[in-house]
Amino acid sequence: MKILRNSFEFEWNQGNKSKNWARHKVADEECEEVFFDTYKKILKDRLHSGKEARHILIGQTKKQRVLFLVFTIRSHGIRVISARDLNKKEKHLYENKT
């Protein structure tokens, strides 16, 4: 995948640490897990890529939870902007891939 380097780190700081848990009950560790899903789908988020390029990631956690993530790549690693469960309309994006 051109978007992700072979080796990468996740950027969790006070600005985004546990934010997704408070809003959508998605733990930071779950966010990281979907990047390793063999069947993940990554798309460019053209609608929300203003100051920096954003990407959408749809993937499954170890517990089979399918998540919708928005992330960006910065010099220090991957920064997850938001994470939540897929809605009914989005499920086909992942299911058609698997």
N, C-alpha and C. Protein backbone atom coordinates (compact mmCIF):
# COMPACT_ATOMS: atom_id res chain seq x y z
N MET A 1 0.82 -1.17 0.00
CA MET A 1 0.00 0.00 0.00
C MET A 1 0.87 1.25 0.00
N LYS A 2 0.59 2.12 -0.89
CA LYS A 2 1.40 3.33 -0.99
C LYS A 2 1.17 4.29 0.17
N ILE A 3 -0.01 4.28 0.75
CA ILE A 3 -0.35 5.22 1.82
C ILE A 3 0.46 4.93 3.08
N LEU A 4 0.61 3.65 3.41
CA LEU A 4 1.29 3.26 4.64
C LEU A 4 2.69 2.77 4.35
N ARG A 5 3.63 3.24 5.14
CA ARG A 5 4.99 2.75 5.05
C ARG A 5 5.05 1.34 5.61
N ASN A 6 6.10 0.62 5.31
CA ASN A 6 6.25 -0.74 5.83
C ASN A 6 6.26 -0.75 7.35
N SER A 7 6.92 0.20 7.94
CA SER A 7 7.00 0.29 9.40
C SER A 7 6.41 1.63 9.82
N PHE A 8 5.50 1.61 10.78
CA PHE A 8 4.89 2.87 11.20
C PHE A 8 4.53 2.81 12.67
N GLU A 9 4.36 4.00 13.24
CA GLU A 9 3.98 4.15 14.63
C GLU A 9 2.68 4.94 14.69
N PHE A 10 2.01 4.82 15.82
CA PHE A 10 0.78 5.57 16.03
C PHE A 10 1.07 6.75 16.94
N GLU A 11 0.46 7.87 16.61
CA GLU A 11 0.65 9.10 17.38
C GLU A 11 -0.56 9.29 18.28
N TRP A 12 -0.38 9.04 19.57
CA TRP A 12 -1.43 9.26 20.57
C TRP A 12 -0.93 10.32 21.56
N ASN A 13 -1.61 11.44 21.60
CA ASN A 13 -1.25 12.47 22.56
C ASN A 13 -2.52 12.97 23.24
N GLN A 14 -2.42 13.99 24.04
CA GLN A 14 -3.59 14.48 24.78
C GLN A 14 -4.72 14.93 23.85
N GLY A 15 -4.38 15.31 22.64
CA GLY A 15 -5.40 15.76 21.69
C GLY A 15 -6.29 14.66 21.16
N ASN A 16 -5.76 13.43 21.09
CA ASN A 16 -6.57 12.35 20.53
C ASN A 16 -6.61 11.08 21.36
N LYS A 17 -5.87 11.01 22.45
CA LYS A 17 -5.86 9.81 23.28
C LYS A 17 -7.21 9.64 23.97
N SER A 18 -7.81 8.49 23.82
CA SER A 18 -9.09 8.12 24.43
C SER A 18 -10.29 8.94 23.94
N LYS A 19 -10.10 9.79 22.96
CA LYS A 19 -11.19 10.60 22.42
C LYS A 19 -12.27 9.71 21.81
N ASN A 20 -11.86 8.67 21.08
CA ASN A 20 -12.82 7.80 20.42
C ASN A 20 -13.56 6.91 21.42
N TRP A 21 -12.93 6.64 22.55
CA TRP A 21 -13.62 5.88 23.60
C TRP A 21 -14.77 6.72 24.17
N ALA A 22 -14.49 7.98 24.43
CA ALA A 22 -15.50 8.86 25.00
C ALA A 22 -16.68 9.06 24.05
N ARG A 23 -16.42 9.12 22.78
CA ARG A 23 -17.48 9.40 21.81
C ARG A 23 -18.18 8.15 21.28
N HIS A 24 -17.40 7.08 21.00
CA HIS A 24 -17.95 5.91 20.31
C HIS A 24 -17.62 4.57 20.94
N LYS A 25 -17.00 4.60 22.12
CA LYS A 25 -16.61 3.36 22.82
C LYS A 25 -15.65 2.51 21.98
N VAL A 26 -14.70 3.18 21.32
CA VAL A 26 -13.64 2.51 20.56
C VAL A 26 -12.32 2.82 21.25
N ALA A 27 -11.65 1.79 21.75
CA ALA A 27 -10.38 1.97 22.45
C ALA A 27 -9.26 2.26 21.44
N ASP A 28 -8.23 2.94 21.90
CA ASP A 28 -7.08 3.24 21.04
C ASP A 28 -6.47 1.96 20.46
N GLU A 29 -6.40 0.91 21.26
CA GLU A 29 -5.83 -0.36 20.80
C GLU A 29 -6.66 -0.96 19.67
N GLU A 30 -7.98 -0.81 19.74
CA GLU A 30 -8.85 -1.30 18.67
C GLU A 30 -8.58 -0.54 17.37
N CYS A 31 -8.36 0.76 17.49
CA CYS A 31 -8.04 1.56 16.31
C CYS A 31 -6.80 1.02 15.61
N GLU A 32 -5.79 0.69 16.39
CA GLU A 32 -4.54 0.18 15.83
C GLU A 32 -4.74 -1.18 15.17
N GLU A 33 -5.60 -2.02 15.74
CA GLU A 33 -5.81 -3.37 15.22
C GLU A 33 -6.30 -3.38 13.78
N VAL A 34 -7.16 -2.44 13.40
CA VAL A 34 -7.73 -2.48 12.05
C VAL A 34 -6.69 -2.22 10.96
N PHE A 35 -5.58 -1.60 11.31
CA PHE A 35 -4.52 -1.38 10.33
C PHE A 35 -3.86 -2.70 9.91
N PHE A 36 -4.03 -3.74 10.72
CA PHE A 36 -3.42 -5.03 10.44
C PHE A 36 -4.42 -6.05 9.88
N ASP A 37 -5.65 -5.62 9.63
CA ASP A 37 -6.66 -6.48 9.02
C ASP A 37 -6.27 -6.76 7.57
N THR A 38 -6.20 -8.03 7.21
CA THR A 38 -5.83 -8.43 5.85
C THR A 38 -6.79 -7.88 4.81
N TYR A 39 -8.05 -7.73 5.18
CA TYR A 39 -9.08 -7.31 4.23
C TYR A 39 -9.46 -5.83 4.35
N LYS A 40 -8.65 -5.06 5.05
CA LYS A 40 -8.96 -3.64 5.24
C LYS A 40 -9.09 -2.92 3.90
N LYS A 41 -9.84 -1.85 3.93
CA LYS A 41 -10.04 -1.02 2.76
C LYS A 41 -9.63 0.40 3.12
N ILE A 42 -8.75 1.00 2.32
CA ILE A 42 -8.30 2.38 2.57
C ILE A 42 -8.70 3.24 1.37
N LEU A 43 -9.33 4.35 1.66
CA LEU A 43 -9.78 5.30 0.64
C LEU A 43 -9.28 6.69 0.99
N LYS A 44 -9.15 7.53 -0.01
CA LYS A 44 -8.81 8.93 0.25
C LYS A 44 -10.07 9.65 0.71
N ASP A 45 -9.94 10.47 1.73
CA ASP A 45 -11.06 11.27 2.22
C ASP A 45 -10.94 12.65 1.57
N ARG A 46 -11.40 12.75 0.37
CA ARG A 46 -11.26 14.00 -0.39
C ARG A 46 -12.13 15.11 0.16
N LEU A 47 -13.24 14.75 0.74
CA LEU A 47 -14.17 15.74 1.26
C LEU A 47 -13.60 16.50 2.47
N HIS A 48 -12.80 15.80 3.30
CA HIS A 48 -12.29 16.41 4.53
C HIS A 48 -10.78 16.65 4.52
N SER A 49 -10.15 16.56 3.37
CA SER A 49 -8.71 16.79 3.27
C SER A 49 -8.47 18.25 2.96
N GLY A 50 -8.46 19.07 3.97
CA GLY A 50 -8.22 20.50 3.79
C GLY A 50 -6.76 20.83 3.97
N LYS A 51 -6.33 20.98 5.22
CA LYS A 51 -4.95 21.34 5.52
C LYS A 51 -3.99 20.16 5.37
N GLU A 52 -4.50 18.94 5.54
CA GLU A 52 -3.66 17.76 5.40
C GLU A 52 -4.48 16.64 4.76
N ALA A 53 -3.80 15.72 4.12
CA ALA A 53 -4.47 14.60 3.48
C ALA A 53 -5.05 13.66 4.54
N ARG A 54 -6.30 13.33 4.39
CA ARG A 54 -6.96 12.39 5.30
C ARG A 54 -7.36 11.15 4.52
N HIS A 55 -7.42 10.05 5.25
CA HIS A 55 -7.76 8.77 4.65
C HIS A 55 -8.83 8.09 5.49
N ILE A 56 -9.63 7.27 4.83
CA ILE A 56 -10.65 6.47 5.50
C ILE A 56 -10.16 5.03 5.51
N LEU A 57 -10.28 4.38 6.64
CA LEU A 57 -9.90 2.98 6.78
C LEU A 57 -11.09 2.22 7.32
N ILE A 58 -11.48 1.17 6.62
CA ILE A 58 -12.53 0.28 7.09
C ILE A 58 -11.88 -1.07 7.32
N GLY A 59 -11.95 -1.55 8.55
CA GLY A 59 -11.30 -2.82 8.87
C GLY A 59 -11.87 -3.43 10.13
N GLN A 60 -11.41 -4.64 10.39
CA GLN A 60 -11.94 -5.44 11.49
C GLN A 60 -10.91 -5.60 12.60
N THR A 61 -11.39 -5.58 13.84
CA THR A 61 -10.54 -5.79 15.00
C THR A 61 -10.40 -7.29 15.27
N LYS A 62 -9.59 -7.63 16.24
CA LYS A 62 -9.40 -9.03 16.62
C LYS A 62 -10.71 -9.66 17.11
N LYS A 63 -11.60 -8.84 17.66
CA LYS A 63 -12.89 -9.33 18.16
C LYS A 63 -13.99 -9.23 17.11
N GLN A 64 -13.61 -9.10 15.84
CA GLN A 64 -14.55 -9.06 14.71
C GLN A 64 -15.41 -7.80 14.64
N ARG A 65 -15.01 -6.76 15.33
CA ARG A 65 -15.73 -5.48 15.26
C ARG A 65 -15.23 -4.73 14.04
N VAL A 66 -16.14 -4.33 13.16
CA VAL A 66 -15.74 -3.62 11.94
C VAL A 66 -15.88 -2.12 12.19
N LEU A 67 -14.76 -1.41 12.00
CA LEU A 67 -14.70 0.02 12.33
C LEU A 67 -14.47 0.89 11.11
N PHE A 68 -14.91 2.11 11.21
CA PHE A 68 -14.70 3.16 10.22
C PHE A 68 -13.77 4.17 10.87
N LEU A 69 -12.56 4.30 10.34
CA LEU A 69 -11.57 5.23 10.90
C LEU A 69 -11.23 6.31 9.90
N VAL A 70 -10.95 7.49 10.41
CA VAL A 70 -10.37 8.56 9.61
C VAL A 70 -9.01 8.82 10.23
N PHE A 71 -7.97 8.86 9.38
CA PHE A 71 -6.62 9.07 9.89
C PHE A 71 -5.81 9.93 8.93
N THR A 72 -4.71 10.42 9.43
CA THR A 72 -3.76 11.17 8.62
C THR A 72 -2.36 10.66 8.96
N ILE A 73 -1.45 10.90 8.06
CA ILE A 73 -0.06 10.50 8.29
C ILE A 73 0.76 11.76 8.52
N ARG A 74 1.43 11.78 9.65
CA ARG A 74 2.29 12.90 10.00
C ARG A 74 3.72 12.39 10.13
N SER A 75 4.64 13.30 10.32
CA SER A 75 6.06 12.91 10.38
C SER A 75 6.35 11.95 11.52
N HIS A 76 5.56 12.02 12.60
CA HIS A 76 5.80 11.14 13.75
C HIS A 76 5.00 9.85 13.69
N GLY A 77 4.14 9.70 12.69
CA GLY A 77 3.39 8.46 12.55
C GLY A 77 1.95 8.69 12.14
N ILE A 78 1.13 7.68 12.37
CA ILE A 78 -0.28 7.72 12.01
C ILE A 78 -1.07 8.32 13.16
N ARG A 79 -1.89 9.30 12.83
CA ARG A 79 -2.75 9.93 13.83
C ARG A 79 -4.20 9.61 13.47
N VAL A 80 -4.87 8.89 14.36
CA VAL A 80 -6.27 8.57 14.16
C VAL A 80 -7.10 9.78 14.56
N ILE A 81 -7.91 10.25 13.64
CA ILE A 81 -8.73 11.43 13.88
C ILE A 81 -10.06 11.03 14.50
N SER A 82 -10.67 9.98 13.96
CA SER A 82 -11.92 9.49 14.54
C SER A 82 -12.09 8.01 14.22
N ALA A 83 -12.86 7.34 15.07
CA ALA A 83 -13.14 5.92 14.89
C ALA A 83 -14.52 5.62 15.44
N ARG A 84 -15.25 4.79 14.72
CA ARG A 84 -16.60 4.42 15.13
C ARG A 84 -16.98 3.12 14.43
N ASP A 85 -18.10 2.53 14.86
CA ASP A 85 -18.64 1.36 14.18
C ASP A 85 -19.17 1.78 12.81
N LEU A 86 -19.16 0.83 11.88
CA LEU A 86 -19.76 1.10 10.57
C LEU A 86 -21.26 1.26 10.73
N ASN A 87 -21.84 2.10 9.90
CA ASN A 87 -23.30 2.16 9.87
C ASN A 87 -23.81 1.19 8.80
N LYS A 88 -25.10 1.00 8.71
CA LYS A 88 -25.67 0.01 7.80
C LYS A 88 -25.31 0.28 6.35
N LYS A 89 -25.28 1.54 5.96
CA LYS A 89 -24.97 1.89 4.56
C LYS A 89 -23.50 1.61 4.21
N GLU A 90 -22.62 1.63 5.20
CA GLU A 90 -21.18 1.45 4.95
C GLU A 90 -20.76 -0.02 4.98
N LYS A 91 -21.58 -0.90 5.55
CA LYS A 91 -21.19 -2.30 5.72
C LYS A 91 -20.83 -2.96 4.40
N HIS A 92 -21.50 -2.60 3.33
CA HIS A 92 -21.21 -3.23 2.03
C HIS A 92 -19.80 -2.91 1.55
N LEU A 93 -19.23 -1.78 1.95
CA LEU A 93 -17.87 -1.43 1.54
C LEU A 93 -16.86 -2.45 2.05
N TYR A 94 -17.09 -2.95 3.25
CA TYR A 94 -16.19 -3.94 3.82
C TYR A 94 -16.58 -5.36 3.38
N GLU A 95 -17.85 -5.67 3.40
CA GLU A 95 -18.31 -7.01 3.09
C GLU A 95 -18.02 -7.40 1.65
N ASN A 96 -18.10 -6.47 0.72
CA ASN A 96 -17.78 -6.77 -0.68
C ASN A 96 -16.31 -7.08 -0.87
N LYS A 97 -15.47 -6.57 0.02
CA LYS A 97 -14.03 -6.78 -0.08
C LYS A 97 -13.62 -8.13 0.49
N THR A 98 -14.35 -8.64 1.48
CA THR A 98 -13.93 -9.87 2.17
C THR A 98 -14.45 -11.12 1.55
